């Protein structure tokens, strides 16, 4: 028995991967694990901004699995990644910080492209 992977299922798989990654990022931001609190302060953001980012990441993760809400989820994840990349570049973060953001961004773009 062969299982063909069509574009719709490929898009759904990518959307689920992005949703899981953004859910994890949201939990990390909300909990302040590791250097998250220190990083947000070093970047000049108020303490509440980390909670806003975490909530938006969780919201985007919740929107991505549904066919009806996926476009909104992709738009939100795209906006989040633009802001994250802007922050990292503006603060001249090392490639170790930039690489995950670039991978997340690439996954969002590929998922959006698979939708077209």
N, C-alpha and C. Protein backbone atom coordinates (compact mmCIF):
# COMPACT_ATOMS: atom_id res chain seq x y z
N UNK A 1 0.84 -1.18 0.00
CA UNK A 1 0.00 0.00 0.00
C UNK A 1 0.90 1.25 0.00
N UNK A 2 0.66 2.14 -0.92
CA UNK A 2 1.44 3.38 -1.00
C UNK A 2 0.61 4.54 -0.47
N UNK A 3 1.33 5.44 0.14
CA UNK A 3 0.65 6.61 0.68
C UNK A 3 1.20 7.83 -0.03
N UNK A 4 0.35 8.47 -0.78
CA UNK A 4 0.77 9.67 -1.52
C UNK A 4 0.63 10.88 -0.61
N UNK A 5 1.64 11.72 -0.64
CA UNK A 5 1.61 12.96 0.15
C UNK A 5 1.18 14.08 -0.79
N UNK A 6 -0.03 14.57 -0.59
CA UNK A 6 -0.48 15.67 -1.43
C UNK A 6 -0.12 17.00 -0.78
N UNK A 7 -0.29 18.07 -1.53
CA UNK A 7 0.09 19.40 -1.05
C UNK A 7 -0.71 19.78 0.20
N UNK A 8 -1.98 19.41 0.24
CA UNK A 8 -2.81 19.74 1.41
C UNK A 8 -2.29 19.10 2.68
N UNK A 9 -1.91 17.82 2.61
CA UNK A 9 -1.39 17.18 3.81
C UNK A 9 0.00 17.71 4.15
N UNK A 10 0.81 18.03 3.13
CA UNK A 10 2.13 18.63 3.37
C UNK A 10 1.97 19.96 4.09
N UNK A 11 1.02 20.77 3.65
CA UNK A 11 0.76 22.05 4.29
C UNK A 11 0.30 21.85 5.74
N UNK A 12 -0.57 20.86 5.95
CA UNK A 12 -1.06 20.60 7.30
C UNK A 12 0.06 20.13 8.23
N UNK A 13 0.95 19.30 7.71
CA UNK A 13 2.09 18.84 8.51
C UNK A 13 2.99 20.01 8.87
N UNK A 14 3.31 20.85 7.88
CA UNK A 14 4.13 22.03 8.15
C UNK A 14 3.46 22.94 9.17
N UNK A 15 2.16 23.15 9.01
CA UNK A 15 1.43 24.03 9.93
C UNK A 15 1.48 23.47 11.36
N UNK A 16 1.39 22.17 11.50
CA UNK A 16 1.46 21.56 12.83
C UNK A 16 2.86 21.71 13.43
N UNK A 17 3.89 21.56 12.61
CA UNK A 17 5.26 21.75 13.09
C UNK A 17 5.46 23.18 13.58
N UNK A 18 5.01 24.14 12.77
CA UNK A 18 5.13 25.56 13.16
C UNK A 18 4.30 25.82 14.41
N UNK A 19 3.12 25.24 14.50
CA UNK A 19 2.27 25.42 15.69
C UNK A 19 2.96 24.91 16.95
N UNK A 20 3.57 23.75 16.86
CA UNK A 20 4.26 23.19 18.03
C UNK A 20 5.44 24.09 18.42
N UNK A 21 6.21 24.54 17.44
CA UNK A 21 7.36 25.41 17.73
C UNK A 21 6.91 26.72 18.39
N UNK A 22 5.83 27.30 17.88
CA UNK A 22 5.35 28.56 18.47
C UNK A 22 4.72 28.33 19.84
N UNK A 23 4.10 27.17 20.05
CA UNK A 23 3.55 26.86 21.37
C UNK A 23 4.68 26.74 22.39
N UNK A 24 5.76 26.05 22.01
CA UNK A 24 6.91 25.92 22.91
C UNK A 24 7.52 27.30 23.18
N UNK A 25 7.69 28.11 22.14
CA UNK A 25 8.24 29.45 22.31
C UNK A 25 7.35 30.29 23.22
N UNK A 26 6.04 30.16 23.06
CA UNK A 26 5.11 30.90 23.90
C UNK A 26 5.23 30.52 25.37
N UNK A 27 5.32 29.22 25.62
CA UNK A 27 5.47 28.74 27.01
C UNK A 27 6.78 29.23 27.60
N UNK A 28 7.85 29.17 26.81
CA UNK A 28 9.16 29.64 27.29
C UNK A 28 9.10 31.13 27.63
N UNK A 29 8.51 31.92 26.76
CA UNK A 29 8.41 33.36 27.03
C UNK A 29 7.53 33.65 28.25
N UNK A 30 6.41 32.97 28.37
CA UNK A 30 5.52 33.20 29.50
C UNK A 30 6.15 32.78 30.82
N UNK A 31 6.90 31.68 30.80
CA UNK A 31 7.52 31.18 32.03
C UNK A 31 8.82 31.88 32.36
N UNK A 32 9.44 32.53 31.37
CA UNK A 32 10.69 33.24 31.61
C UNK A 32 11.87 32.30 31.82
N UNK A 33 11.80 31.13 31.22
CA UNK A 33 12.87 30.14 31.38
C UNK A 33 14.20 30.65 30.83
N UNK A 34 15.28 30.16 31.42
CA UNK A 34 16.61 30.49 30.93
C UNK A 34 16.89 31.97 31.01
N UNK A 35 17.43 32.49 29.91
CA UNK A 35 17.83 33.90 29.86
C UNK A 35 16.74 34.80 29.29
N UNK A 36 15.51 34.29 29.17
CA UNK A 36 14.45 35.05 28.51
C UNK A 36 14.20 36.40 29.18
N UNK A 37 14.04 36.41 30.49
CA UNK A 37 13.79 37.67 31.20
C UNK A 37 14.95 38.65 30.97
N UNK A 38 16.15 38.15 31.12
CA UNK A 38 17.34 39.00 30.96
C UNK A 38 17.44 39.53 29.52
N UNK A 39 17.13 38.66 28.53
CA UNK A 39 17.21 39.10 27.13
C UNK A 39 16.22 40.22 26.84
N UNK A 40 14.97 40.05 27.27
CA UNK A 40 13.97 41.10 27.02
C UNK A 40 14.38 42.42 27.67
N UNK A 41 14.93 42.35 28.88
CA UNK A 41 15.39 43.57 29.56
C UNK A 41 16.58 44.18 28.81
N UNK A 42 17.51 43.33 28.37
CA UNK A 42 18.69 43.81 27.65
C UNK A 42 18.29 44.47 26.33
N UNK A 43 17.22 43.99 25.71
CA UNK A 43 16.75 44.57 24.45
C UNK A 43 15.95 45.85 24.68
N UNK A 44 15.72 46.20 25.94
CA UNK A 44 15.02 47.45 26.25
C UNK A 44 13.51 47.34 26.31
N UNK A 45 12.98 46.13 26.38
CA UNK A 45 11.53 45.95 26.45
C UNK A 45 11.06 45.92 27.90
N UNK A 46 9.85 46.43 28.18
CA UNK A 46 9.31 46.35 29.54
C UNK A 46 8.99 44.90 29.89
N UNK A 47 8.89 44.60 31.18
CA UNK A 47 8.66 43.23 31.64
C UNK A 47 7.39 42.61 31.03
N UNK A 48 6.34 43.42 30.86
CA UNK A 48 5.07 42.89 30.36
C UNK A 48 5.17 42.46 28.90
N UNK A 49 6.13 42.96 28.16
CA UNK A 49 6.23 42.67 26.73
C UNK A 49 6.51 41.18 26.47
N UNK A 50 7.25 40.55 27.38
CA UNK A 50 7.52 39.12 27.26
C UNK A 50 6.21 38.32 27.35
N UNK A 51 5.31 38.76 28.21
CA UNK A 51 4.01 38.09 28.35
C UNK A 51 3.15 38.28 27.10
N UNK A 52 3.20 39.49 26.54
CA UNK A 52 2.47 39.74 25.30
C UNK A 52 3.00 38.85 24.18
N UNK A 53 4.32 38.77 24.06
CA UNK A 53 4.92 37.92 23.02
C UNK A 53 4.51 36.46 23.21
N UNK A 54 4.60 35.99 24.44
CA UNK A 54 4.22 34.60 24.73
C UNK A 54 2.76 34.33 24.41
N UNK A 55 1.89 35.25 24.77
CA UNK A 55 0.45 35.09 24.48
C UNK A 55 0.18 35.08 22.98
N UNK A 56 0.85 35.98 22.24
CA UNK A 56 0.67 36.01 20.78
C UNK A 56 1.21 34.74 20.13
N UNK A 57 2.31 34.21 20.65
CA UNK A 57 2.85 32.96 20.11
C UNK A 57 1.88 31.81 20.37
N UNK A 58 1.29 31.76 21.56
CA UNK A 58 0.31 30.71 21.85
C UNK A 58 -0.95 30.87 21.00
N UNK A 59 -1.38 32.11 20.80
CA UNK A 59 -2.54 32.35 19.95
C UNK A 59 -2.26 31.88 18.52
N UNK A 60 -1.09 32.21 18.00
CA UNK A 60 -0.77 31.78 16.63
C UNK A 60 -0.71 30.25 16.56
N UNK A 61 -0.17 29.62 17.59
CA UNK A 61 -0.12 28.15 17.62
C UNK A 61 -1.52 27.55 17.61
N UNK A 62 -2.47 28.21 18.28
CA UNK A 62 -3.85 27.73 18.31
C UNK A 62 -4.55 27.94 16.97
N UNK A 63 -4.17 28.99 16.23
CA UNK A 63 -4.83 29.30 14.95
C UNK A 63 -4.33 28.43 13.80
N UNK A 64 -3.09 27.98 13.86
CA UNK A 64 -2.48 27.29 12.72
C UNK A 64 -3.11 25.94 12.36
N UNK A 65 -3.52 25.11 13.30
CA UNK A 65 -4.06 23.80 12.90
C UNK A 65 -5.36 23.85 12.10
N UNK A 66 -6.21 24.82 12.33
CA UNK A 66 -7.50 24.88 11.65
C UNK A 66 -7.40 25.42 10.23
N UNK A 67 -8.09 24.79 9.30
CA UNK A 67 -8.09 25.26 7.91
C UNK A 67 -8.65 26.67 7.80
N UNK A 68 -9.71 26.96 8.57
CA UNK A 68 -10.36 28.26 8.49
C UNK A 68 -9.53 29.37 9.12
N UNK A 69 -8.69 29.03 10.08
CA UNK A 69 -7.93 30.04 10.82
C UNK A 69 -6.44 30.06 10.46
N UNK A 70 -6.03 29.17 9.58
CA UNK A 70 -4.60 29.04 9.28
C UNK A 70 -4.00 30.31 8.68
N UNK A 71 -4.73 30.97 7.78
CA UNK A 71 -4.19 32.19 7.16
C UNK A 71 -3.94 33.25 8.23
N UNK A 72 -4.88 33.42 9.14
CA UNK A 72 -4.70 34.37 10.23
C UNK A 72 -3.49 33.97 11.09
N UNK A 73 -3.37 32.68 11.38
CA UNK A 73 -2.23 32.19 12.16
C UNK A 73 -0.91 32.45 11.45
N UNK A 74 -0.89 32.24 10.13
CA UNK A 74 0.34 32.49 9.37
C UNK A 74 0.68 33.98 9.33
N UNK A 75 -0.34 34.82 9.22
CA UNK A 75 -0.08 36.27 9.24
C UNK A 75 0.49 36.69 10.60
N UNK A 76 -0.07 36.13 11.68
CA UNK A 76 0.41 36.47 13.01
C UNK A 76 1.83 35.94 13.23
N UNK A 77 2.10 34.71 12.81
CA UNK A 77 3.47 34.18 12.98
C UNK A 77 4.46 34.99 12.13
N UNK A 78 4.04 35.40 10.95
CA UNK A 78 4.91 36.23 10.12
C UNK A 78 5.24 37.55 10.80
N UNK A 79 4.23 38.20 11.38
CA UNK A 79 4.44 39.47 12.08
C UNK A 79 5.35 39.27 13.29
N UNK A 80 5.14 38.18 14.02
CA UNK A 80 5.98 37.89 15.18
C UNK A 80 7.44 37.72 14.75
N UNK A 81 7.66 36.99 13.66
CA UNK A 81 9.02 36.73 13.22
C UNK A 81 9.69 37.98 12.66
N UNK A 82 8.93 38.84 12.00
CA UNK A 82 9.50 40.12 11.53
C UNK A 82 9.97 40.93 12.74
N UNK A 83 9.15 41.01 13.78
CA UNK A 83 9.52 41.75 14.98
C UNK A 83 10.72 41.11 15.68
N UNK A 84 10.73 39.79 15.74
CA UNK A 84 11.85 39.09 16.39
C UNK A 84 13.15 39.31 15.63
N UNK A 85 13.10 39.19 14.32
CA UNK A 85 14.31 39.41 13.52
C UNK A 85 14.79 40.86 13.63
N UNK A 86 13.85 41.79 13.62
CA UNK A 86 14.20 43.20 13.79
C UNK A 86 14.93 43.41 15.12
N UNK A 87 14.38 42.84 16.19
CA UNK A 87 14.99 42.97 17.52
C UNK A 87 16.39 42.38 17.54
N UNK A 88 16.54 41.19 16.99
CA UNK A 88 17.85 40.52 17.01
C UNK A 88 18.88 41.28 16.18
N UNK A 89 18.47 41.77 15.02
CA UNK A 89 19.40 42.50 14.16
C UNK A 89 19.74 43.87 14.75
N UNK A 90 18.73 44.55 15.28
CA UNK A 90 18.95 45.88 15.87
C UNK A 90 19.94 45.80 17.04
N UNK A 91 19.87 44.70 17.78
CA UNK A 91 20.74 44.54 18.94
C UNK A 91 22.02 43.76 18.62
N UNK A 92 22.23 43.51 17.34
CA UNK A 92 23.44 42.82 16.87
C UNK A 92 23.72 41.54 17.64
N UNK A 93 22.67 40.74 17.75
CA UNK A 93 22.81 39.46 18.45
C UNK A 93 23.69 38.52 17.63
N UNK A 94 24.40 37.62 18.31
CA UNK A 94 25.24 36.66 17.58
C UNK A 94 24.39 35.67 16.78
N UNK A 95 25.04 35.01 15.84
CA UNK A 95 24.32 34.09 14.95
C UNK A 95 23.60 32.99 15.74
N UNK A 96 24.11 32.63 16.88
CA UNK A 96 23.45 31.61 17.71
C UNK A 96 22.04 32.00 18.11
N UNK A 97 21.78 33.29 18.29
CA UNK A 97 20.43 33.77 18.57
C UNK A 97 19.63 33.95 17.29
N UNK A 98 20.31 34.32 16.23
CA UNK A 98 19.64 34.62 14.97
C UNK A 98 19.21 33.35 14.22
N UNK A 99 19.99 32.29 14.32
CA UNK A 99 19.72 31.06 13.56
C UNK A 99 18.32 30.47 13.84
N UNK A 100 17.92 30.31 15.11
CA UNK A 100 16.57 29.77 15.33
C UNK A 100 15.48 30.66 14.75
N UNK A 101 15.65 31.97 14.84
CA UNK A 101 14.65 32.89 14.29
C UNK A 101 14.59 32.76 12.77
N UNK A 102 15.72 32.57 12.13
CA UNK A 102 15.73 32.38 10.68
C UNK A 102 15.06 31.07 10.29
N UNK A 103 15.29 30.02 11.07
CA UNK A 103 14.65 28.72 10.79
C UNK A 103 13.14 28.83 10.98
N UNK A 104 12.70 29.44 12.08
CA UNK A 104 11.26 29.65 12.30
C UNK A 104 10.66 30.44 11.13
N UNK A 105 11.35 31.51 10.72
CA UNK A 105 10.86 32.34 9.62
C UNK A 105 10.75 31.55 8.33
N UNK A 106 11.76 30.75 8.04
CA UNK A 106 11.74 29.92 6.83
C UNK A 106 10.58 28.94 6.86
N UNK A 107 10.33 28.34 8.01
CA UNK A 107 9.20 27.40 8.13
C UNK A 107 7.86 28.11 7.91
N UNK A 108 7.73 29.32 8.42
CA UNK A 108 6.49 30.08 8.22
C UNK A 108 6.32 30.39 6.73
N UNK A 109 7.38 30.82 6.05
CA UNK A 109 7.31 31.15 4.63
C UNK A 109 6.97 29.91 3.81
N UNK A 110 7.61 28.78 4.10
CA UNK A 110 7.34 27.56 3.34
C UNK A 110 5.91 27.08 3.57
N UNK A 111 5.43 27.20 4.80
CA UNK A 111 4.04 26.81 5.08
C UNK A 111 3.07 27.70 4.34
N UNK A 112 3.33 29.00 4.33
CA UNK A 112 2.46 29.93 3.59
C UNK A 112 2.52 29.64 2.10
N UNK A 113 3.70 29.35 1.58
CA UNK A 113 3.85 29.06 0.15
C UNK A 113 3.12 27.76 -0.22
N UNK A 114 3.12 26.79 0.67
CA UNK A 114 2.42 25.53 0.38
C UNK A 114 0.92 25.74 0.33
N UNK A 115 0.46 26.78 0.98
CA UNK A 115 -0.98 27.09 0.98
C UNK A 115 -1.44 27.64 -0.38
N UNK A 116 -0.54 28.30 -1.10
CA UNK A 116 -0.90 28.95 -2.37
C UNK A 116 -1.13 27.97 -3.48
